[in-house]
Amino acid sequence: MAQPRVLVVGGGMGIGQFITEFLVQKHGAKVVVLGLDISESVQQLEKEKKLCIVRGDATELDTQGLAQSAVSNYLGGLDALVITLGILGEVETVARLDIEKMRKAFAINFFAPVQLVYDLSLISFNVF
């Protein structure tokens, strides 16, 4: 089987870090990590040339463009996309809701993942 090519959004910390390390170490996957915060262990995998890191905010179109370039140039296409970014956001009554915090939560939890899936599907995504 060919080496799987995977983009892990939010793959630098927490659950995403675990998934990144699992894909690289257990499955020999070729991985691009898109993340704002990157753990030392994931940075070490990049130093060992086992993956490529795109540092930045996944809600920013420029950062998404860098990730798309890495998918094309480093991976040569995409077999799987893993999105682990997300925040809880505001849990409040409507009368006390901070709309700007709500907008940020939607940007992270909904709009960024949808935009990434859409843009990446235009490049190369093997649907399975």
Protein backbone atom coordinates (compact mmCIF):
# COMPACT_ATOMS: atom_id res chain seq x y z
CA MET A 1 0.00 0.00 0.00
CA ALA A 2 1.24 3.49 -0.83
CA GLN A 3 2.27 5.86 1.94
CA PRO A 4 -0.90 7.68 3.11
CA ARG A 5 -0.84 11.48 2.62
CA VAL A 6 -2.65 13.28 5.43
CA LEU A 7 -3.32 16.87 6.48
CA VAL A 8 -3.97 17.15 10.23
CA VAL A 9 -5.53 20.51 11.08
CA GLY A 10 -4.92 21.25 14.75
CA GLY A 11 -2.32 18.48 14.76
CA GLY A 12 0.28 20.18 16.91
CA MET A 13 -1.26 19.82 20.37
CA GLY A 14 -3.74 17.70 22.32
CA ILE A 15 -5.81 15.14 20.46
CA GLY A 16 -4.40 16.34 17.14
CA GLN A 17 -0.85 15.77 18.37
CA PHE A 18 -1.72 12.20 19.34
CA ILE A 19 -3.27 11.58 15.92
CA THR A 20 -0.26 13.12 14.14
CA GLU A 21 2.23 11.00 16.08
CA PHE A 22 0.11 7.88 15.58
CA LEU A 23 -0.09 8.42 11.80
CA VAL A 24 3.64 9.04 11.44
CA GLN A 25 5.00 6.45 13.87
CA LYS A 26 2.51 3.59 13.47
CA HIS A 27 1.43 3.98 9.85
CA GLY A 28 4.40 5.70 8.21
CA ALA A 29 2.08 8.38 6.87
CA LYS A 30 3.37 11.47 5.12
CA VAL A 31 1.79 14.30 7.13
CA VAL A 32 1.31 18.04 6.98
CA VAL A 33 0.33 19.59 10.31
CA LEU A 34 -1.54 22.90 10.34
CA GLY A 35 -1.49 24.42 13.80
CA LEU A 36 -1.23 27.53 15.86
CA ASP A 37 0.54 25.78 18.75
CA ILE A 38 3.01 22.97 18.07
CA SER A 39 4.33 20.57 20.73
CA GLU A 40 8.02 19.79 21.08
CA SER A 41 7.43 16.18 20.00
CA VAL A 42 5.75 17.24 16.74
CA GLN A 43 8.51 19.80 16.12
CA GLN A 44 11.02 16.98 16.61
CA LEU A 45 9.27 14.90 13.93
CA GLU A 46 9.66 17.84 11.56
CA LYS A 47 13.40 18.07 12.39
CA GLU A 48 13.64 14.36 11.56
CA LYS A 49 11.99 15.11 8.17
CA LYS A 50 8.98 12.92 9.03
CA LEU A 51 6.39 15.67 8.50
CA CYS A 52 5.86 19.27 7.46
CA ILE A 53 4.46 21.94 9.77
CA VAL A 54 2.42 24.93 8.64
CA ARG A 55 2.26 27.32 11.59
CA GLY A 56 -0.68 29.65 11.81
CA ASP A 57 -4.32 30.29 12.53
CA ALA A 58 -6.54 27.94 10.53
CA THR A 59 -9.26 30.60 10.38
CA GLU A 60 -6.99 32.89 8.31
CA LEU A 61 -7.22 32.50 4.51
CA ASP A 62 -3.47 33.13 4.13
CA THR A 63 -2.69 30.27 6.50
CA GLN A 64 -5.15 28.02 4.68
CA GLY A 65 -3.36 28.90 1.44
CA LEU A 66 -0.02 27.88 2.97
CA ALA A 67 -1.57 24.56 4.01
CA GLN A 68 -2.90 24.01 0.48
CA SER A 69 0.57 24.71 -0.92
CA ALA A 70 2.10 22.21 1.50
CA VAL A 71 -0.48 19.61 0.47
CA SER A 72 0.43 20.13 -3.17
CA ASN A 73 4.20 20.53 -2.80
CA TYR A 74 5.08 18.30 0.17
CA LEU A 75 2.40 15.64 -0.09
CA GLY A 76 1.68 15.75 -3.82
CA GLY A 77 -2.02 15.26 -3.13
CA LEU A 78 -4.23 14.22 -0.27
CA ASP A 79 -5.65 10.90 0.84
CA ALA A 80 -7.13 11.99 4.17
CA LEU A 81 -8.01 15.14 6.07
CA VAL A 82 -8.24 15.16 9.87
CA ILE A 83 -9.66 18.27 11.54
CA THR A 84 -9.19 18.43 15.30
CA LEU A 85 -9.38 22.15 15.95
CA GLY A 86 -12.21 23.53 17.99
CA ILE A 87 -13.19 25.54 21.03
CA LEU A 88 -16.15 25.42 23.37
CA GLY A 89 -17.02 29.09 22.97
CA GLU A 90 -19.70 31.01 24.82
CA VAL A 91 -22.13 29.15 27.03
CA GLU A 92 -24.40 31.93 28.14
CA THR A 93 -27.94 33.23 27.95
CA VAL A 94 -28.74 35.24 24.82
CA ALA A 95 -29.10 38.45 26.84
CA ARG A 96 -25.52 38.10 28.17
CA LEU A 97 -23.90 36.67 25.06
CA ASP A 98 -20.74 38.33 23.70
CA ILE A 99 -21.37 38.19 19.95
CA GLU A 100 -17.69 38.66 19.05
CA LYS A 101 -16.72 35.60 21.08
CA MET A 102 -19.53 33.70 19.37
CA ARG A 103 -18.24 34.80 15.94
CA LYS A 104 -14.74 33.56 16.81
CA ALA A 105 -16.11 30.20 17.96
CA PHE A 106 -18.02 29.78 14.70
CA ALA A 107 -14.94 30.82 12.69
CA ILE A 108 -12.89 28.10 14.41
CA ASN A 109 -15.49 25.35 14.76
CA PHE A 110 -17.42 25.73 11.52
CA PHE A 111 -16.19 28.13 8.86
CA ALA A 112 -12.47 27.22 8.90
CA PRO A 113 -13.09 23.45 8.55
CA VAL A 114 -15.72 23.93 5.83
CA GLN A 115 -13.46 26.31 3.88
CA LEU A 116 -10.53 23.90 4.14
CA VAL A 117 -12.59 20.94 2.95
CA TYR A 118 -13.95 22.95 0.03
CA ASP A 119 -10.58 24.38 -1.06
CA LEU A 120 -8.74 21.09 -0.67
CA SER A 121 -11.39 19.23 -2.64
CA LEU A 122 -10.54 21.48 -5.57
CA ILE A 123 -6.86 20.47 -5.45
CA SER A 124 -6.73 16.73 -4.95
CA PHE A 125 -8.75 14.66 -2.59
CA ASN A 126 -9.31 10.96 -3.07
CA VAL A 127 -12.82 10.35 -1.84
CA PHE A 128 -13.17 6.95 -0.20
